[in-house]
Amino acid sequence: MTYAVDPHVVMMVIGIEIPLSQSLKDKRSVIRSLKDRINRRFSVSIAELKPLDNWQSAYLGFAMIGDNRVLLESTFQHIETIIVDHPEVKGVQKQIEFL
């Protein structure tokens, strides 16, 4: 199949530490806050990845598709900044892949 545009798919996994979390409820509150803030600003799919039962760390997966790679890269940089700037998040690790 031939496309009229050159589509790009971007996937990113970010690992975060939430050192002040004392329960899964605390962790979920931070994750929900991040997801809500990111979804208000960007049209991106977000999922929390395994392991789900660790109180002080989380892995978030993000995915987008579009025809402008520069715009996608910029969006994912903004998402990373939102996460890094969150006051309860420390120790961010990132892995990004373009398909």
Protein backbone atom coordinates (compact mmCIF):
# COMPACT_ATOMS: atom_id res chain seq x y z
CA MET A 1 0.00 0.00 0.00
CA THR A 2 1.27 3.47 -0.88
CA TYR A 3 0.55 6.42 1.39
CA ALA A 4 0.18 10.05 0.29
CA VAL A 5 2.12 11.05 3.43
CA ASP A 6 5.15 9.65 5.20
CA PRO A 7 3.76 8.49 8.57
CA HIS A 8 5.94 8.29 11.67
CA VAL A 9 5.14 6.31 14.79
CA VAL A 10 6.89 7.31 18.00
CA MET A 11 7.05 5.26 21.18
CA MET A 12 8.64 6.43 24.40
CA VAL A 13 9.02 4.74 27.77
CA ILE A 14 9.86 6.87 30.77
CA GLY A 15 10.84 5.37 34.09
CA ILE A 16 10.28 7.59 37.10
CA GLU A 17 11.00 7.48 40.80
CA ILE A 18 8.45 8.81 43.29
CA PRO A 19 10.49 8.78 46.51
CA LEU A 20 7.84 10.37 48.77
CA SER A 21 5.15 7.84 47.85
CA GLN A 22 4.09 5.70 50.82
CA SER A 23 1.38 3.63 49.10
CA LEU A 24 -0.04 2.63 45.75
CA LYS A 25 -2.68 5.31 46.29
CA ASP A 26 0.07 7.97 46.52
CA LYS A 27 1.74 6.61 43.39
CA ARG A 28 -1.52 6.52 41.43
CA SER A 29 -2.23 10.10 42.43
CA VAL A 30 1.09 11.26 40.94
CA ILE A 31 0.58 9.14 37.80
CA ARG A 32 -2.97 10.44 37.35
CA SER A 33 -1.76 14.02 37.76
CA LEU A 34 0.90 13.53 35.07
CA LYS A 35 -1.45 11.74 32.67
CA ASP A 36 -4.16 14.38 33.05
CA ARG A 37 -1.74 17.26 32.52
CA ILE A 38 -0.18 15.63 29.44
CA ASN A 39 -3.55 14.62 27.92
CA ARG A 40 -4.89 18.17 28.32
CA ARG A 41 -2.02 19.46 26.22
CA PHE A 42 -1.21 16.69 23.74
CA SER A 43 -3.08 14.03 21.80
CA VAL A 44 -0.94 11.11 22.93
CA SER A 45 -1.68 7.58 24.13
CA ILE A 46 -0.41 6.90 27.66
CA ALA A 47 -0.22 3.66 29.61
CA GLU A 48 1.34 2.69 32.91
CA LEU A 49 3.56 -0.33 32.33
CA LYS A 50 4.68 -3.16 34.62
CA PRO A 51 5.51 -3.48 37.46
CA LEU A 52 2.32 -1.85 38.72
CA ASP A 53 2.67 -2.76 42.39
CA ASN A 54 5.89 -0.86 43.22
CA TRP A 55 5.02 2.17 45.38
CA GLN A 56 7.96 4.37 44.49
CA SER A 57 8.61 3.78 40.82
CA ALA A 58 6.66 3.61 37.60
CA TYR A 59 7.11 3.16 33.87
CA LEU A 60 4.92 5.20 31.55
CA GLY A 61 4.55 4.35 27.87
CA PHE A 62 3.61 6.97 25.29
CA ALA A 63 2.73 6.60 21.60
CA MET A 64 1.87 8.99 18.77
CA ILE A 65 1.56 8.85 15.02
CA GLY A 66 1.94 11.77 12.63
CA ASP A 67 3.45 12.94 9.37
CA ASN A 68 5.82 15.54 10.85
CA ARG A 69 8.77 13.95 12.65
CA VAL A 70 10.07 17.30 13.96
CA LEU A 71 6.69 18.06 15.55
CA LEU A 72 6.58 14.58 17.11
CA GLU A 73 10.10 14.99 18.54
CA SER A 74 9.16 18.39 19.96
CA THR A 75 5.98 16.99 21.53
CA PHE A 76 7.88 14.20 23.24
CA GLN A 77 10.48 16.65 24.52
CA HIS A 78 7.66 18.71 26.05
CA ILE A 79 6.17 15.58 27.63
CA GLU A 80 9.55 14.70 29.15
CA THR A 81 9.86 18.25 30.52
CA ILE A 82 6.42 18.03 32.15
CA ILE A 83 7.46 14.82 33.87
CA VAL A 84 10.91 16.04 34.94
CA ASP A 85 9.43 19.27 36.32
CA HIS A 86 6.81 17.49 38.45
CA PRO A 87 7.70 18.20 42.10
CA GLU A 88 7.15 14.61 43.30
CA VAL A 89 9.14 12.93 40.52
CA LYS A 90 12.86 12.20 40.68
CA GLY A 91 15.23 10.07 38.62
CA VAL A 92 13.75 10.04 35.12
CA GLN A 93 15.02 7.50 32.56
CA LYS A 94 13.90 7.70 28.92
CA GLN A 95 13.89 5.41 25.93
CA ILE A 96 12.43 6.64 22.63
CA GLU A 97 11.96 4.86 19.31
CA PHE A 98 10.78 6.07 15.90
CA LEU A 99 9.21 3.57 13.50
